PDB file of all heavy atoms in Angstrom:
ATOM      1  N   ALA A   1       6.491  -2.005 -10.838  1.00  0.00           N
ATOM      2  CA  ALA A   1       7.465  -2.744 -11.571  1.00  0.00           C
ATOM      3  C   ALA A   1       6.825  -3.828 -12.478  1.00  0.00           C
ATOM      4  O   ALA A   1       5.984  -4.596 -11.966  1.00  0.00           O
ATOM      5  CB  ALA A   1       8.441  -3.459 -10.576  1.00  0.00           C
ATOM      6  N   ALA A   2       7.147  -3.776 -13.682  1.00  0.00           N
ATOM      7  CA  ALA A   2       6.588  -4.687 -14.683  1.00  0.00           C
ATOM      8  C   ALA A   2       7.557  -5.692 -15.143  1.00  0.00           C
ATOM      9  O   ALA A   2       8.742  -5.461 -15.237  1.00  0.00           O
ATOM     10  CB  ALA A   2       6.093  -3.924 -15.888  1.00  0.00           C
ATOM     11  N   SER A   3       7.098  -6.922 -15.353  1.00  0.00           N
ATOM     12  CA  SER A   3       7.938  -8.027 -15.838  1.00  0.00           C
ATOM     13  C   SER A   3       7.101  -8.854 -16.868  1.00  0.00           C
ATOM     14  O   SER A   3       5.869  -8.830 -16.808  1.00  0.00           O
ATOM     15  CB  SER A   3       8.441  -8.908 -14.771  1.00  0.00           C
ATOM     16  OG  SER A   3       7.473  -9.476 -13.961  1.00  0.00           O
ATOM     17  N   GLY A   4       7.816  -9.462 -17.803  1.00  0.00           N
ATOM     18  CA  GLY A   4       7.154 -10.319 -18.723  1.00  0.00           C
ATOM     19  C   GLY A   4       6.510  -9.654 -19.901  1.00  0.00           C
ATOM     20  O   GLY A   4       5.781 -10.236 -20.691  1.00  0.00           O
ATOM     21  N   ILE A   5       6.807  -8.373 -20.023  1.00  0.00           N
ATOM     22  CA  ILE A   5       6.336  -7.547 -21.187  1.00  0.00           C
ATOM     23  C   ILE A   5       7.413  -6.713 -21.818  1.00  0.00           C
ATOM     24  O   ILE A   5       8.444  -6.483 -21.170  1.00  0.00           O
ATOM     25  CB  ILE A   5       5.139  -6.584 -20.782  1.00  0.00           C
ATOM     26  CG1 ILE A   5       5.684  -5.620 -19.680  1.00  0.00           C
ATOM     27  CG2 ILE A   5       3.980  -7.416 -20.241  1.00  0.00           C
ATOM     28  CD1 ILE A   5       4.637  -4.481 -19.390  1.00  0.00           C
ATOM     29  N   ALA A   6       7.194  -6.278 -22.995  1.00  0.00           N
ATOM     30  CA  ALA A   6       8.139  -5.384 -23.703  1.00  0.00           C
ATOM     31  C   ALA A   6       7.760  -3.955 -23.207  1.00  0.00           C
ATOM     32  O   ALA A   6       7.100  -3.202 -23.841  1.00  0.00           O
ATOM     33  CB  ALA A   6       8.014  -5.462 -25.189  1.00  0.00           C
ATOM     34  N   PHE A   7       8.273  -3.630 -21.968  1.00  0.00           N
ATOM     35  CA  PHE A   7       7.786  -2.413 -21.273  1.00  0.00           C
ATOM     36  C   PHE A   7       8.018  -1.224 -22.083  1.00  0.00           C
ATOM     37  O   PHE A   7       7.159  -0.349 -22.183  1.00  0.00           O
ATOM     38  CB  PHE A   7       8.520  -2.396 -19.942  1.00  0.00           C
ATOM     39  CG  PHE A   7       8.107  -1.136 -19.132  1.00  0.00           C
ATOM     40  CD1 PHE A   7       6.969  -1.242 -18.387  1.00  0.00           C
ATOM     41  CD2 PHE A   7       8.973  -0.030 -19.131  1.00  0.00           C
ATOM     42  CE1 PHE A   7       6.605  -0.103 -17.576  1.00  0.00           C
ATOM     43  CE2 PHE A   7       8.567   1.027 -18.316  1.00  0.00           C
ATOM     44  CZ  PHE A   7       7.379   0.983 -17.546  1.00  0.00           C
ATOM     45  N   ASP A   8       9.143  -1.081 -22.765  1.00  0.00           N
ATOM     46  CA  ASP A   8       9.507   0.146 -23.413  1.00  0.00           C
ATOM     47  C   ASP A   8       8.634   0.413 -24.688  1.00  0.00           C
ATOM     48  O   ASP A   8       8.650   1.526 -25.281  1.00  0.00           O
ATOM     49  CB  ASP A   8      10.920   0.270 -23.763  1.00  0.00           C
ATOM     50  CG  ASP A   8      11.513  -0.908 -24.589  1.00  0.00           C
ATOM     51  OD1 ASP A   8      10.609  -1.841 -24.886  1.00  0.00           O
ATOM     52  OD2 ASP A   8      12.614  -0.956 -24.945  1.00  0.00           O
ATOM     53  N   SER A   9       7.873  -0.580 -25.097  1.00  0.00           N
ATOM     54  CA  SER A   9       6.974  -0.372 -26.231  1.00  0.00           C
ATOM     55  C   SER A   9       5.527  -0.217 -25.874  1.00  0.00           C
ATOM     56  O   SER A   9       4.626  -0.215 -26.703  1.00  0.00           O
ATOM     57  CB  SER A   9       7.076  -1.592 -27.192  1.00  0.00           C
ATOM     58  OG  SER A   9       6.592  -2.739 -26.622  1.00  0.00           O
ATOM     59  N   LYS A  10       5.237  -0.088 -24.550  1.00  0.00           N
ATOM     60  CA  LYS A  10       3.867   0.044 -24.116  1.00  0.00           C
ATOM     61  C   LYS A  10       3.606   1.392 -23.446  1.00  0.00           C
ATOM     62  O   LYS A  10       4.407   1.854 -22.619  1.00  0.00           O
ATOM     63  CB  LYS A  10       3.580  -1.079 -23.058  1.00  0.00           C
ATOM     64  CG  LYS A  10       3.447  -2.479 -23.682  1.00  0.00           C
ATOM     65  CD  LYS A  10       2.783  -3.389 -22.742  1.00  0.00           C
ATOM     66  CE  LYS A  10       2.522  -4.786 -23.383  1.00  0.00           C
ATOM     67  NZ  LYS A  10       1.580  -4.660 -24.554  1.00  0.00           N
ATOM     68  N   SER A  11       2.448   1.922 -23.857  1.00  0.00           N
ATOM     69  CA  SER A  11       1.977   3.095 -23.115  1.00  0.00           C
ATOM     70  C   SER A  11       1.306   2.581 -21.816  1.00  0.00           C
ATOM     71  O   SER A  11       0.522   1.625 -21.873  1.00  0.00           O
ATOM     72  CB  SER A  11       0.944   3.850 -23.940  1.00  0.00           C
ATOM     73  OG  SER A  11       1.525   4.422 -25.083  1.00  0.00           O
ATOM     74  N   MET A  12       1.640   3.192 -20.745  1.00  0.00           N
ATOM     75  CA  MET A  12       1.222   2.720 -19.395  1.00  0.00           C
ATOM     76  C   MET A  12       0.296   3.672 -18.712  1.00  0.00           C
ATOM     77  O   MET A  12       0.324   4.933 -18.974  1.00  0.00           O
ATOM     78  CB  MET A  12       2.422   2.412 -18.572  1.00  0.00           C
ATOM     79  CG  MET A  12       3.290   1.325 -19.069  1.00  0.00           C
ATOM     80  SD  MET A  12       2.509  -0.283 -19.139  1.00  0.00           S
ATOM     81  CE  MET A  12       2.353  -0.576 -17.408  1.00  0.00           C
ATOM     82  N   GLY A  13      -0.429   3.217 -17.785  1.00  0.00           N
ATOM     83  CA  GLY A  13      -1.333   4.079 -17.031  1.00  0.00           C
ATOM     84  C   GLY A  13      -1.450   3.695 -15.593  1.00  0.00           C
ATOM     85  O   GLY A  13      -1.135   2.572 -15.205  1.00  0.00           O
ATOM     86  N   TRP A  14      -1.846   4.655 -14.800  1.00  0.00           N
ATOM     87  CA  TRP A  14      -2.246   4.423 -13.354  1.00  0.00           C
ATOM     88  C   TRP A  14      -3.757   4.513 -13.253  1.00  0.00           C
ATOM     89  O   TRP A  14      -4.377   5.410 -13.832  1.00  0.00           O
ATOM     90  CB  TRP A  14      -1.537   5.412 -12.491  1.00  0.00           C
ATOM     91  CG  TRP A  14      -0.090   5.075 -12.125  1.00  0.00           C
ATOM     92  CD1 TRP A  14       0.999   5.558 -12.678  1.00  0.00           C
ATOM     93  CD2 TRP A  14       0.266   4.177 -11.087  1.00  0.00           C
ATOM     94  NE1 TRP A  14       2.044   5.036 -12.132  1.00  0.00           N
ATOM     95  CE2 TRP A  14       1.723   4.114 -11.110  1.00  0.00           C
ATOM     96  CE3 TRP A  14      -0.360   3.370 -10.136  1.00  0.00           C
ATOM     97  CZ2 TRP A  14       2.453   3.373 -10.303  1.00  0.00           C
ATOM     98  CZ3 TRP A  14       0.396   2.598  -9.292  1.00  0.00           C
ATOM     99  CH2 TRP A  14       1.795   2.567  -9.330  1.00  0.00           C
ATOM    100  N   TYR A  15      -4.300   3.632 -12.475  1.00  0.00           N
ATOM    101  CA  TYR A  15      -5.761   3.573 -12.260  1.00  0.00           C
ATOM    102  C   TYR A  15      -5.943   3.570 -10.746  1.00  0.00           C
ATOM    103  O   TYR A  15      -5.066   3.183  -9.960  1.00  0.00           O
ATOM    104  CB  TYR A  15      -6.313   2.280 -12.771  1.00  0.00           C
ATOM    105  CG  TYR A  15      -6.085   2.016 -14.330  1.00  0.00           C
ATOM    106  CD1 TYR A  15      -4.820   1.720 -14.811  1.00  0.00           C
ATOM    107  CD2 TYR A  15      -7.111   2.169 -15.208  1.00  0.00           C
ATOM    108  CE1 TYR A  15      -4.626   1.530 -16.161  1.00  0.00           C
ATOM    109  CE2 TYR A  15      -6.925   1.934 -16.586  1.00  0.00           C
ATOM    110  CZ  TYR A  15      -5.712   1.635 -17.033  1.00  0.00           C
ATOM    111  OH  TYR A  15      -5.493   1.447 -18.385  1.00  0.00           O
ATOM    112  N   ARG A  16      -7.171   3.924 -10.324  1.00  0.00           N
ATOM    113  CA  ARG A  16      -7.522   3.776  -8.946  1.00  0.00           C
ATOM    114  C   ARG A  16      -8.961   3.347  -8.819  1.00  0.00           C
ATOM    115  O   ARG A  16      -9.798   3.671  -9.676  1.00  0.00           O
ATOM    116  CB  ARG A  16      -7.231   5.104  -8.169  1.00  0.00           C
ATOM    117  CG  ARG A  16      -8.255   6.208  -8.447  1.00  0.00           C
ATOM    118  CD  ARG A  16      -7.883   7.494  -7.715  1.00  0.00           C
ATOM    119  NE  ARG A  16      -8.749   8.557  -8.075  1.00  0.00           N
ATOM    120  CZ  ARG A  16      -8.540   9.855  -7.759  1.00  0.00           C
ATOM    121  NH1 ARG A  16      -7.420  10.192  -7.105  1.00  0.00           N
ATOM    122  NH2 ARG A  16      -9.391  10.812  -8.148  1.00  0.00           N
ATOM    123  N   GLN A  17      -9.175   2.664  -7.680  1.00  0.00           N
ATOM    124  CA  GLN A  17     -10.595   2.257  -7.388  1.00  0.00           C
ATOM    125  C   GLN A  17     -10.938   2.719  -6.016  1.00  0.00           C
ATOM    126  O   GLN A  17     -10.288   2.230  -4.988  1.00  0.00           O
ATOM    127  CB  GLN A  17     -10.675   0.758  -7.535  1.00  0.00           C
ATOM    128  CG  GLN A  17     -12.130   0.212  -7.398  1.00  0.00           C
ATOM    129  CD  GLN A  17     -12.295  -1.157  -7.918  1.00  0.00           C
ATOM    130  OE1 GLN A  17     -11.351  -1.902  -8.038  1.00  0.00           O
ATOM    131  NE2 GLN A  17     -13.589  -1.493  -8.209  1.00  0.00           N
ATOM    132  N   ALA A  18     -11.840   3.657  -5.855  1.00  0.00           N
ATOM    133  CA  ALA A  18     -12.201   4.115  -4.589  1.00  0.00           C
ATOM    134  C   ALA A  18     -13.277   3.116  -4.015  1.00  0.00           C
ATOM    135  O   ALA A  18     -13.927   2.406  -4.809  1.00  0.00           O
ATOM    136  CB  ALA A  18     -12.781   5.547  -4.683  1.00  0.00           C
ATOM    137  N   PRO A  19     -13.434   3.147  -2.709  1.00  0.00           N
ATOM    138  CA  PRO A  19     -14.471   2.269  -2.140  1.00  0.00           C
ATOM    139  C   PRO A  19     -15.849   2.445  -2.749  1.00  0.00           C
ATOM    140  O   PRO A  19     -16.348   3.559  -2.827  1.00  0.00           O
ATOM    141  CB  PRO A  19     -14.438   2.603  -0.636  1.00  0.00           C
ATOM    142  CG  PRO A  19     -13.070   3.192  -0.408  1.00  0.00           C
ATOM    143  CD  PRO A  19     -12.720   3.887  -1.670  1.00  0.00           C
ATOM    144  N   GLY A  20     -16.469   1.313  -3.216  1.00  0.00           N
ATOM    145  CA  GLY A  20     -17.762   1.411  -3.778  1.00  0.00           C
ATOM    146  C   GLY A  20     -17.898   2.018  -5.051  1.00  0.00           C
ATOM    147  O   GLY A  20     -19.010   2.227  -5.660  1.00  0.00           O
ATOM    148  N   LYS A  21     -16.738   2.261  -5.769  1.00  0.00           N
ATOM    149  CA  LYS A  21     -16.779   2.848  -7.104  1.00  0.00           C
ATOM    150  C   LYS A  21     -16.036   2.041  -8.099  1.00  0.00           C
ATOM    151  O   LYS A  21     -15.220   1.119  -7.755  1.00  0.00           O
ATOM    152  CB  LYS A  21     -16.097   4.271  -7.021  1.00  0.00           C
ATOM    153  CG  LYS A  21     -16.928   5.273  -6.165  1.00  0.00           C
ATOM    154  CD  LYS A  21     -16.385   6.661  -6.327  1.00  0.00           C
ATOM    155  CE  LYS A  21     -17.158   7.681  -5.541  1.00  0.00           C
ATOM    156  NZ  LYS A  21     -16.564   9.049  -5.719  1.00  0.00           N
ATOM    157  N   GLN A  22     -16.264   2.341  -9.338  1.00  0.00           N
ATOM    158  CA  GLN A  22     -15.591   1.596 -10.427  1.00  0.00           C
ATOM    159  C   GLN A  22     -14.130   2.097 -10.550  1.00  0.00           C
ATOM    160  O   GLN A  22     -13.767   3.227 -10.191  1.00  0.00           O
ATOM    161  CB  GLN A  22     -16.281   1.819 -11.769  1.00  0.00           C
ATOM    162  CG  GLN A  22     -17.611   1.027 -11.849  1.00  0.00           C
ATOM    163  CD  GLN A  22     -18.128   1.031 -13.299  1.00  0.00           C
ATOM    164  OE1 GLN A  22     -17.891   1.981 -14.036  1.00  0.00           O
ATOM    165  NE2 GLN A  22     -18.888   0.019 -13.595  1.00  0.00           N
ATOM    166  N   ARG A  23     -13.263   1.242 -11.119  1.00  0.00           N
ATOM    167  CA  ARG A  23     -11.891   1.581 -11.297  1.00  0.00           C
ATOM    168  C   ARG A  23     -11.857   2.715 -12.416  1.00  0.00           C
ATOM    169  O   ARG A  23     -12.577   2.657 -13.405  1.00  0.00           O
ATOM    170  CB  ARG A  23     -11.111   0.393 -11.777  1.00  0.00           C
ATOM    171  CG  ARG A  23      -9.651   0.613 -11.933  1.00  0.00           C
ATOM    172  CD  ARG A  23      -8.959  -0.738 -12.303  1.00  0.00           C
ATOM    173  NE  ARG A  23      -9.003  -1.688 -11.242  1.00  0.00           N
ATOM    174  CZ  ARG A  23      -8.946  -3.039 -11.425  1.00  0.00           C
ATOM    175  NH1 ARG A  23      -8.847  -3.474 -12.606  1.00  0.00           N
ATOM    176  NH2 ARG A  23      -8.968  -3.862 -10.400  1.00  0.00           N
ATOM    177  N   GLU A  24     -11.039   3.762 -12.158  1.00  0.00           N
ATOM    178  CA  GLU A  24     -10.868   4.786 -13.119  1.00  0.00           C
ATOM    179  C   GLU A  24      -9.438   5.022 -13.502  1.00  0.00           C
ATOM    180  O   GLU A  24      -8.562   4.838 -12.628  1.00  0.00           O
ATOM    181  CB  GLU A  24     -11.533   6.141 -12.570  1.00  0.00           C
ATOM    182  CG  GLU A  24     -10.853   6.588 -11.305  1.00  0.00           C
ATOM    183  CD  GLU A  24     -11.276   7.996 -10.905  1.00  0.00           C
ATOM    184  OE1 GLU A  24     -11.811   8.758 -11.710  1.00  0.00           O
ATOM    185  OE2 GLU A  24     -11.062   8.374  -9.737  1.00  0.00           O
ATOM    186  N   LYS A  25      -9.196   5.532 -14.654  1.00  0.00           N
ATOM    187  CA  LYS A  25      -7.835   5.805 -15.095  1.00  0.00           C
ATOM    188  C   LYS A  25      -7.531   7.309 -14.690  1.00  0.00           C
ATOM    189  O   LYS A  25      -8.309   8.150 -14.948  1.00  0.00           O
ATOM    190  CB  LYS A  25      -7.744   5.702 -16.625  1.00  0.00           C
ATOM    191  CG  LYS A  25      -6.354   5.701 -17.186  1.00  0.00           C
ATOM    192  CD  LYS A  25      -6.377   5.713 -18.748  1.00  0.00           C
ATOM    193  CE  LYS A  25      -7.164   4.627 -19.304  1.00  0.00           C
ATOM    194  NZ  LYS A  25      -7.158   4.682 -20.801  1.00  0.00           N
ATOM    195  N   VAL A  26      -6.340   7.413 -14.069  1.00  0.00           N
ATOM    196  CA  VAL A  26      -6.046   8.724 -13.509  1.00  0.00           C
ATOM    197  C   VAL A  26      -4.837   9.404 -14.322  1.00  0.00           C
ATOM    198  O   VAL A  26      -4.698  10.592 -14.270  1.00  0.00           O
ATOM    199  CB  VAL A  26      -5.732   8.787 -12.030  1.00  0.00           C
ATOM    200  CG1 VAL A  26      -6.978   8.326 -11.249  1.00  0.00           C
ATOM    201  CG2 VAL A  26      -4.587   7.862 -11.656  1.00  0.00           C
ATOM    202  N   ALA A  27      -3.974   8.578 -14.845  1.00  0.00           N
ATOM    203  CA  ALA A  27      -2.797   9.161 -15.574  1.00  0.00           C
ATOM    204  C   ALA A  27      -2.285   8.172 -16.588  1.00  0.00           C
ATOM    205  O   ALA A  27      -2.362   6.927 -16.285  1.00  0.00           O
ATOM    206  CB  ALA A  27      -1.699   9.521 -14.567  1.00  0.00           C
ATOM    207  N   THR A  28      -1.694   8.683 -17.686  1.00  0.00           N
ATOM    208  CA  THR A  28      -1.124   7.794 -18.692  1.00  0.00           C
ATOM    209  C   THR A  28       0.177   8.418 -19.220  1.00  0.00           C
ATOM    210  O   THR A  28       0.367   9.636 -19.141  1.00  0.00           O
ATOM    211  CB  THR A  28      -2.045   7.579 -19.878  1.00  0.00           C
ATOM    212  OG1 THR A  28      -2.281   8.844 -20.543  1.00  0.00           O
ATOM    213  CG2 THR A  28      -3.400   6.929 -19.468  1.00  0.00           C
ATOM    214  N   ILE A  29       1.040   7.555 -19.644  1.00  0.00           N
ATOM    215  CA  ILE A  29       2.305   7.960 -20.251  1.00  0.00           C
ATOM    216  C   ILE A  29       2.595   7.159 -21.435  1.00  0.00           C
ATOM    217  O   ILE A  29       2.546   5.856 -21.376  1.00  0.00           O
ATOM    218  CB  ILE A  29       3.488   7.960 -19.233  1.00  0.00           C
ATOM    219  CG1 ILE A  29       4.735   8.560 -19.833  1.00  0.00           C
ATOM    220  CG2 ILE A  29       3.651   6.552 -18.653  1.00  0.00           C
ATOM    221  CD1 ILE A  29       5.821   8.807 -18.775  1.00  0.00           C
ATOM    222  N   SER A  30       2.823   7.760 -22.624  1.00  0.00           N
ATOM    223  CA  SER A  30       3.137   7.007 -23.820  1.00  0.00           C
ATOM    224  C   SER A  30       4.545   6.547 -23.866  1.00  0.00           C
ATOM    225  O   SER A  30       5.374   6.877 -23.068  1.00  0.00           O
ATOM    226  CB  SER A  30       2.755   7.892 -24.977  1.00  0.00           C
ATOM    227  OG  SER A  30       3.754   8.897 -25.178  1.00  0.00           O
ATOM    228  N   VAL A  31       4.878   5.866 -24.948  1.00  0.00           N
ATOM    229  CA  VAL A  31       6.218   5.391 -25.183  1.00  0.00           C
ATOM    230  C   VAL A  31       7.193   6.578 -25.426  1.00  0.00           C
ATOM    231  O   VAL A  31       8.410   6.413 -25.180  1.00  0.00           O
ATOM    232  CB  VAL A  31       6.346   4.382 -26.308  1.00  0.00           C
ATOM    233  CG1 VAL A  31       5.546   3.096 -25.942  1.00  0.00           C
ATOM    234  CG2 VAL A  31       5.814   4.949 -27.635  1.00  0.00           C
ATOM    235  N   ILE A  32       6.679   7.679 -25.880  1.00  0.00           N
ATOM    236  CA  ILE A  32       7.521   8.858 -26.056  1.00  0.00           C
ATOM    237  C   ILE A  32       7.343   9.874 -24.938  1.00  0.00           C
ATOM    238  O   ILE A  32       7.660  10.968 -25.067  1.00  0.00           O
ATOM    239  CB  ILE A  32       7.252   9.521 -27.478  1.00  0.00           C
ATOM    240  CG1 ILE A  32       5.799   9.982 -27.582  1.00  0.00           C
ATOM    241  CG2 ILE A  32       7.650   8.636 -28.573  1.00  0.00           C
ATOM    242  CD1 ILE A  32       5.535  10.835 -28.808  1.00  0.00           C
ATOM    243  N   ARG A  33       6.784   9.356 -23.833  1.00  0.00           N
ATOM    244  CA  ARG A  33       6.590  10.087 -22.585  1.00  0.00           C
ATOM    245  C   ARG A  33       5.636  11.267 -22.639  1.00  0.00           C
ATOM    246  O   ARG A  33       5.622  12.198 -21.879  1.00  0.00           O
ATOM    247  CB  ARG A  33       7.924  10.534 -22.021  1.00  0.00           C
ATOM    248  CG  ARG A  33       8.806   9.355 -21.575  1.00  0.00           C
ATOM    249  CD  ARG A  33      10.157   9.825 -21.073  1.00  0.00           C
ATOM    250  NE  ARG A  33      10.854   8.822 -20.243  1.00  0.00           N
ATOM    251  CZ  ARG A  33      11.507   7.789 -20.823  1.00  0.00           C
ATOM    252  NH1 ARG A  33      11.564   7.676 -22.082  1.00  0.00           N
ATOM    253  NH2 ARG A  33      12.066   6.903 -20.004  1.00  0.00           N
ATOM    254  N   THR A  34       4.653  11.129 -23.590  1.00  0.00           N
ATOM    255  CA  THR A  34       3.519  12.097 -23.532  1.00  0.00           C
ATOM    256  C   THR A  34       2.652  11.736 -22.420  1.00  0.00           C
ATOM    257  O   THR A  34       2.375  10.532 -22.223  1.00  0.00           O
ATOM    258  CB  THR A  34       2.770  12.069 -24.899  1.00  0.00           C
ATOM    259  OG1 THR A  34       3.676  12.360 -25.975  1.00  0.00           O
ATOM    260  CG2 THR A  34       1.584  13.013 -24.889  1.00  0.00           C
ATOM    261  N   THR A  35       2.224  12.688 -21.609  1.00  0.00           N
ATOM    262  CA  THR A  35       1.426  12.360 -20.459  1.00  0.00           C
ATOM    263  C   THR A  35       0.000  12.959 -20.512  1.00  0.00           C
ATOM    264  O   THR A  35      -0.211  13.904 -21.331  1.00  0.00           O
ATOM    265  CB  THR A  35       2.065  12.846 -19.185  1.00  0.00           C
ATOM    266  OG1 THR A  35       2.224  14.255 -19.266  1.00  0.00           O
ATOM    267  CG2 THR A  35       3.402  12.226 -18.925  1.00  0.00           C
ATOM    268  N   ASP A  36      -0.936  12.330 -19.849  1.00  0.00           N
ATOM    269  CA  ASP A  36      -2.280  12.851 -19.805  1.00  0.00           C
ATOM    270  C   ASP A  36      -2.854  12.455 -18.404  1.00  0.00           C
ATOM    271  O   ASP A  36      -2.450  11.467 -17.838  1.00  0.00           O
ATOM    272  CB  ASP A  36      -3.120  12.204 -20.891  1.00  0.00           C
ATOM    273  CG  ASP A  36      -4.448  12.953 -21.111  1.00  0.00           C
ATOM    274  OD1 ASP A  36      -4.531  14.097 -20.711  1.00  0.00           O
ATOM    275  OD2 ASP A  36      -5.389  12.304 -21.632  1.00  0.00           O
ATOM    276  N   TYR A  37      -3.806  13.295 -17.979  1.00  0.00           N
ATOM    277  CA  TYR A  37      -4.318  13.140 -16.593  1.00  0.00           C
ATOM    278  C   TYR A  37      -5.799  13.362 -16.544  1.00  0.00           C
ATOM    279  O   TYR A  37      -6.335  14.109 -17.312  1.00  0.00           O
ATOM    280  CB  TYR A  37      -3.626  14.185 -15.645  1.00  0.00           C
ATOM    281  CG  TYR A  37      -2.127  14.078 -15.585  1.00  0.00           C
ATOM    282  CD1 TYR A  37      -1.329  14.737 -16.391  1.00  0.00           C
ATOM    283  CD2 TYR A  37      -1.546  13.150 -14.641  1.00  0.00           C
ATOM    284  CE1 TYR A  37       0.084  14.657 -16.350  1.00  0.00           C
ATOM    285  CE2 TYR A  37      -0.211  12.996 -14.564  1.00  0.00           C
ATOM    286  CZ  TYR A  37       0.620  13.761 -15.482  1.00  0.00           C
ATOM    287  OH  TYR A  37       1.980  13.636 -15.412  1.00  0.00           O
ATOM    288  N   ALA A  38      -6.412  12.677 -15.640  1.00  0.00           N
ATOM    289  CA  ALA A  38      -7.854  12.925 -15.358  1.00  0.00           C
ATOM    290  C   ALA A  38      -7.905  14.344 -14.707  1.00  0.00           C
ATOM    291  O   ALA A  38      -7.028  14.788 -14.015  1.00  0.00           O
ATOM    292  CB  ALA A  38      -8.378  11.933 -14.354  1.00  0.00           C
ATOM    293  N   ASP A  39      -9.008  15.041 -15.027  1.00  0.00           N
ATOM    294  CA  ASP A  39      -9.208  16.409 -14.475  1.00  0.00           C
ATOM    295  C   ASP A  39      -9.038  16.458 -12.954  1.00  0.00           C
ATOM    296  O   ASP A  39      -8.527  17.451 -12.427  1.00  0.00           O
ATOM    297  CB  ASP A  39     -10.530  16.914 -14.910  1.00  0.00           C
ATOM    298  CG  ASP A  39     -10.656  17.350 -16.413  1.00  0.00           C
ATOM    299  OD1 ASP A  39      -9.543  17.366 -17.057  1.00  0.00           O
ATOM    300  OD2 ASP A  39     -11.667  17.388 -16.873  1.00  0.00           O
ATOM    301  N   SER A  40      -9.459  15.381 -12.326  1.00  0.00           N
ATOM    302  CA  SER A  40      -9.434  15.400 -10.841  1.00  0.00           C
ATOM    303  C   SER A  40      -8.076  15.396 -10.227  1.00  0.00           C
ATOM    304  O   SER A  40      -7.901  15.731  -9.073  1.00  0.00           O
ATOM    305  CB  SER A  40     -10.200  14.211 -10.278  1.00  0.00           C
ATOM    306  OG  SER A  40      -9.619  13.001 -10.773  1.00  0.00           O
TER     307      SER A  40
END
């Protein structure tokens, strides 16, 4: 849940950080709902 931003004008993403690893982007969705995913 997002607040304080113009949410509908932002492309958003999900990220994850595994133990001992850097944060990585796993999925994104654009303002027109185009999606993209990490191969994993």
